[in-house]
């Protein structure tokens, strides 16, 4: 439920979802931790052949 809500609040984007999931649903600005994690997730998704 928490991840689904983060995805909805993040606009359905990978980085938006990660921001809302890591920093909280009320977060509005990307922080360095979430930005780094987003980059790692995109690399893993690309390795699996999934669009980011």
PDB file of N, CA and C in Angstrom:
ATOM      1  N   UNK A   1       0.815  -1.194   0.000  1.00  0.00           N
ATOM      2  CA  UNK A   1       0.000   0.000   0.000  1.00  0.00           C
ATOM      3  C   UNK A   1       0.863   1.265   0.000  1.00  0.00           C
ATOM      4  N   UNK A   2       1.912   1.271   0.827  1.00  0.00           N
ATOM      5  CA  UNK A   2       2.763   2.458   0.934  1.00  0.00           C
ATOM      6  C   UNK A   2       3.451   2.740  -0.396  1.00  0.00           C
ATOM      7  N   UNK A   3       3.980   1.691  -1.029  1.00  0.00           N
ATOM      8  CA  UNK A   3       4.658   1.862  -2.314  1.00  0.00           C
ATOM      9  C   UNK A   3       3.669   2.284  -3.399  1.00  0.00           C
ATOM     10  N   UNK A   4       2.483   1.710  -3.392  1.00  0.00           N
ATOM     11  CA  UNK A   4       1.471   2.086  -4.381  1.00  0.00           C
ATOM     12  C   UNK A   4       1.089   3.554  -4.234  1.00  0.00           C
ATOM     13  N   UNK A   5       0.965   4.016  -2.999  1.00  0.00           N
ATOM     14  CA  UNK A   5       0.622   5.419  -2.778  1.00  0.00           C
ATOM     15  C   UNK A   5       1.785   6.314  -3.206  1.00  0.00           C
ATOM     16  N   UNK A   6       3.018   5.884  -2.930  1.00  0.00           N
ATOM     17  CA  UNK A   6       4.193   6.655  -3.344  1.00  0.00           C
ATOM     18  C   UNK A   6       4.231   6.776  -4.864  1.00  0.00           C
ATOM     19  N   UNK A   7       3.884   5.693  -5.552  1.00  0.00           N
ATOM     20  CA  UNK A   7       3.868   5.728  -7.025  1.00  0.00           C
ATOM     21  C   UNK A   7       2.822   6.711  -7.531  1.00  0.00           C
ATOM     22  N   UNK A   8       1.662   6.676  -6.922  1.00  0.00           N
ATOM     23  CA  UNK A   8       0.587   7.588  -7.323  1.00  0.00           C
ATOM     24  C   UNK A   8       0.972   9.043  -7.065  1.00  0.00           C
ATOM     25  N   UNK A   9       1.488   9.325  -5.884  1.00  0.00           N
ATOM     26  CA  UNK A   9       1.869  10.690  -5.521  1.00  0.00           C
ATOM     27  C   UNK A   9       3.084  11.172  -6.302  1.00  0.00           C
ATOM     28  N   UNK A  10       3.936  10.236  -6.734  1.00  0.00           N
ATOM     29  CA  UNK A  10       5.136  10.582  -7.485  1.00  0.00           C
ATOM     30  C   UNK A  10       4.892  10.737  -8.970  1.00  0.00           C
ATOM     31  N   UNK A  11       3.642  10.682  -9.372  1.00  0.00           N
ATOM     32  CA  UNK A  11       3.313  10.871 -10.780  1.00  0.00           C
ATOM     33  C   UNK A  11       3.587   9.654 -11.643  1.00  0.00           C
ATOM     34  N   UNK A  12       3.850   8.516 -11.018  1.00  0.00           N
ATOM     35  CA  UNK A  12       4.092   7.296 -11.776  1.00  0.00           C
ATOM     36  C   UNK A  12       5.497   7.167 -12.331  1.00  0.00           C
ATOM     37  N   UNK A  13       6.358   8.156 -12.070  1.00  0.00           N
ATOM     38  CA  UNK A  13       7.736   8.076 -12.561  1.00  0.00           C
ATOM     39  C   UNK A  13       8.599   7.300 -11.574  1.00  0.00           C
ATOM     40  N   UNK A  14       9.672   6.735 -12.063  1.00  0.00           N
ATOM     41  CA  UNK A  14      10.571   5.979 -11.201  1.00  0.00           C
ATOM     42  C   UNK A  14      11.150   6.870 -10.111  1.00  0.00           C
ATOM     43  N   UNK A  15      11.730   7.995 -10.492  1.00  0.00           N
ATOM     44  CA  UNK A  15      12.369   8.870  -9.503  1.00  0.00           C
ATOM     45  C   UNK A  15      11.349   9.526  -8.579  1.00  0.00           C
ATOM     46  N   UNK A  16      10.197   9.874  -9.098  1.00  0.00           N
ATOM     47  CA  UNK A  16       9.150  10.452  -8.258  1.00  0.00           C
ATOM     48  C   UNK A  16       8.669   9.465  -7.212  1.00  0.00           C
ATOM     49  N   UNK A  17       8.519   8.209  -7.617  1.00  0.00           N
ATOM     50  CA  UNK A  17       8.100   7.163  -6.686  1.00  0.00           C
ATOM     51  C   UNK A  17       9.150   6.961  -5.609  1.00  0.00           C
ATOM     52  N   UNK A  18      10.414   6.914  -6.006  1.00  0.00           N
ATOM     53  CA  UNK A  18      11.498   6.711  -5.045  1.00  0.00           C
ATOM     54  C   UNK A  18      11.570   7.865  -4.056  1.00  0.00           C
ATOM     55  N   UNK A  19      11.408   9.084  -4.542  1.00  0.00           N
ATOM     56  CA  UNK A  19      11.416  10.246  -3.652  1.00  0.00           C
ATOM     57  C   UNK A  19      10.327  10.106  -2.597  1.00  0.00           C
ATOM     58  N   UNK A  20       9.112   9.829  -3.019  1.00  0.00           N
ATOM     59  CA  UNK A  20       7.988   9.730  -2.086  1.00  0.00           C
ATOM     60  C   UNK A  20       8.153   8.538  -1.144  1.00  0.00           C
ATOM     61  N   UNK A  21       8.734   7.438  -1.639  1.00  0.00           N
ATOM     62  CA  UNK A  21       8.922   6.236  -0.826  1.00  0.00           C
ATOM     63  C   UNK A  21      10.009   6.445   0.225  1.00  0.00           C
ATOM     64  N   UNK A  22      11.137   7.032  -0.189  1.00  0.00           N
ATOM     65  CA  UNK A  22      12.272   7.209   0.729  1.00  0.00           C
ATOM     66  C   UNK A  22      12.106   8.389   1.676  1.00  0.00           C
ATOM     67  N   UNK A  23      11.666   9.517   1.158  1.00  0.00           N
ATOM     68  CA  UNK A  23      11.632  10.748   1.954  1.00  0.00           C
ATOM     69  C   UNK A  23      10.268  11.018   2.582  1.00  0.00           C
ATOM     70  N   UNK A  24       9.279  10.256   2.203  1.00  0.00           N
ATOM     71  CA  UNK A  24       7.939  10.449   2.753  1.00  0.00           C
ATOM     72  C   UNK A  24       6.995  11.010   1.709  1.00  0.00           C
ATOM     73  N   UNK A  25       5.737  10.706   1.873  1.00  0.00           N
ATOM     74  CA  UNK A  25       4.738  11.094   0.883  1.00  0.00           C
ATOM     75  C   UNK A  25       4.615  12.600   0.702  1.00  0.00           C
ATOM     76  N   UNK A  26       5.002  13.381   1.701  1.00  0.00           N
ATOM     77  CA  UNK A  26       4.879  14.840   1.603  1.00  0.00           C
ATOM     78  C   UNK A  26       6.104  15.498   0.959  1.00  0.00           C
ATOM     79  N   UNK A  27       7.153  14.727   0.675  1.00  0.00           N
ATOM     80  CA  UNK A  27       8.380  15.289   0.101  1.00  0.00           C
ATOM     81  C   UNK A  27       8.091  15.913  -1.261  1.00  0.00           C
ATOM     82  N   UNK A  28       8.729  17.045  -1.519  1.00  0.00           N
ATOM     83  CA  UNK A  28       8.522  17.733  -2.797  1.00  0.00           C
ATOM     84  C   UNK A  28       9.809  17.932  -3.582  1.00  0.00           C
ATOM     85  N   UNK A  29      10.957  17.856  -2.913  1.00  0.00           N
ATOM     86  CA  UNK A  29      12.238  18.063  -3.601  1.00  0.00           C
ATOM     87  C   UNK A  29      13.112  16.828  -3.469  1.00  0.00           C
ATOM     88  N   UNK A  30      13.783  16.497  -4.562  1.00  0.00           N
ATOM     89  CA  UNK A  30      14.690  15.362  -4.568  1.00  0.00           C
ATOM     90  C   UNK A  30      15.887  15.675  -3.684  1.00  0.00           C
ATOM     91  N   UNK A  31      16.196  14.761  -2.775  1.00  0.00           N
ATOM     92  CA  UNK A  31      17.367  14.929  -1.922  1.00  0.00           C
ATOM     93  C   UNK A  31      18.492  14.044  -2.452  1.00  0.00           C
ATOM     94  N   UNK A  32      19.722  14.251  -1.998  1.00  0.00           N
ATOM     95  CA  UNK A  32      20.853  13.482  -2.532  1.00  0.00           C
ATOM     96  C   UNK A  32      20.714  11.971  -2.354  1.00  0.00           C
ATOM     97  N   UNK A  33      20.145  11.541  -1.239  1.00  0.00           N
ATOM     98  CA  UNK A  33      19.988  10.104  -0.989  1.00  0.00           C
ATOM     99  C   UNK A  33      19.010   9.494  -1.996  1.00  0.00           C
ATOM    100  N   UNK A  34      17.871  10.129  -2.178  1.00  0.00           N
ATOM    101  CA  UNK A  34      16.876   9.616  -3.121  1.00  0.00           C
ATOM    102  C   UNK A  34      17.388   9.693  -4.558  1.00  0.00           C
ATOM    103  N   UNK A  35      18.130  10.737  -4.888  1.00  0.00           N
ATOM    104  CA  UNK A  35      18.687  10.873  -6.235  1.00  0.00           C
ATOM    105  C   UNK A  35      19.682   9.753  -6.524  1.00  0.00           C
ATOM    106  N   UNK A  36      20.533   9.443  -5.561  1.00  0.00           N
ATOM    107  CA  UNK A  36      21.505   8.363  -5.735  1.00  0.00           C
ATOM    108  C   UNK A  36      20.795   7.019  -5.877  1.00  0.00           C
ATOM    109  N   UNK A  37      19.786   6.795  -5.048  1.00  0.00           N
ATOM    110  CA  UNK A  37      19.031   5.547  -5.102  1.00  0.00           C
ATOM    111  C   UNK A  37      18.295   5.424  -6.433  1.00  0.00           C
ATOM    112  N   UNK A  38      17.750   6.526  -6.910  1.00  0.00           N
ATOM    113  CA  UNK A  38      17.059   6.522  -8.198  1.00  0.00           C
ATOM    114  C   UNK A  38      18.017   6.095  -9.311  1.00  0.00           C
ATOM    115  N   UNK A  39      19.224   6.623  -9.290  1.00  0.00           N
ATOM    116  CA  UNK A  39      20.223   6.243 -10.285  1.00  0.00           C
ATOM    117  C   UNK A  39      20.534   4.760 -10.249  1.00  0.00           C
ATOM    118  N   UNK A  40      20.653   4.208  -9.049  1.00  0.00           N
ATOM    119  CA  UNK A  40      20.933   2.772  -8.899  1.00  0.00           C
ATOM    120  C   UNK A  40      19.770   1.931  -9.417  1.00  0.00           C
ATOM    121  N   UNK A  41      18.558   2.356  -9.107  1.00  0.00           N
ATOM    122  CA  UNK A  41      17.377   1.625  -9.572  1.00  0.00           C
ATOM    123  C   UNK A  41      17.304   1.644 -11.092  1.00  0.00           C
ATOM    124  N   UNK A  42      17.583   2.788 -11.708  1.00  0.00           N
ATOM    125  CA  UNK A  42      17.535   2.888 -13.171  1.00  0.00           C
ATOM    126  C   UNK A  42      18.566   1.973 -13.823  1.00  0.00           C
ATOM    127  N   UNK A  43      19.750   1.865 -13.216  1.00  0.00           N
ATOM    128  CA  UNK A  43      20.784   0.965 -13.742  1.00  0.00           C
ATOM    129  C   UNK A  43      20.296  -0.480 -13.671  1.00  0.00           C
ATOM    130  N   UNK A  44      19.718  -0.869 -12.544  1.00  0.00           N
ATOM    131  CA  UNK A  44      19.218  -2.231 -12.379  1.00  0.00           C
ATOM    132  C   UNK A  44      18.071  -2.523 -13.353  1.00  0.00           C
ATOM    133  N   UNK A  45      17.182  -1.561 -13.521  1.00  0.00           N
ATOM    134  CA  UNK A  45      16.061  -1.750 -14.445  1.00  0.00           C
ATOM    135  C   UNK A  45      16.559  -1.898 -15.881  1.00  0.00           C
ATOM    136  N   UNK A  46      17.561  -1.108 -16.246  1.00  0.00           N
ATOM    137  CA  UNK A  46      18.133  -1.202 -17.592  1.00  0.00           C
ATOM    138  C   UNK A  46      18.792  -2.563 -17.802  1.00  0.00           C
ATOM    139  N   UNK A  47      19.455  -3.066 -16.764  1.00  0.00           N
ATOM    140  CA  UNK A  47      20.107  -4.368 -16.856  1.00  0.00           C
ATOM    141  C   UNK A  47      19.083  -5.486 -17.069  1.00  0.00           C
ATOM    142  N   UNK A  48      17.880  -5.277 -16.561  1.00  0.00           N
ATOM    143  CA  UNK A  48      16.811  -6.266 -16.720  1.00  0.00           C
ATOM    144  C   UNK A  48      16.002  -6.045 -17.997  1.00  0.00           C
ATOM    145  N   UNK A  49      16.342  -4.981 -18.726  1.00  0.00           N
ATOM    146  CA  UNK A  49      15.642  -4.676 -19.966  1.00  0.00           C
ATOM    147  C   UNK A  49      14.301  -4.001 -19.763  1.00  0.00           C
ATOM    148  N   UNK A  50      14.115  -3.427 -18.590  1.00  0.00           N
ATOM    149  CA  UNK A  50      12.855  -2.758 -18.272  1.00  0.00           C
ATOM    150  C   UNK A  50      13.007  -1.255 -18.461  1.00  0.00           C
ATOM    151  N   UNK A  51      11.993  -0.588 -19.007  1.00  0.00           N
ATOM    152  CA  UNK A  51      12.091   0.876 -19.150  1.00  0.00           C
ATOM    153  C   UNK A  51      12.065   1.563 -17.796  1.00  0.00           C
ATOM    154  N   UNK A  52      12.816   2.639 -17.653  1.00  0.00           N
ATOM    155  CA  UNK A  52      12.896   3.327 -16.358  1.00  0.00           C
ATOM    156  C   UNK A  52      11.803   4.330 -16.203  1.00  0.00           C
TER     157      UNK A  52
END
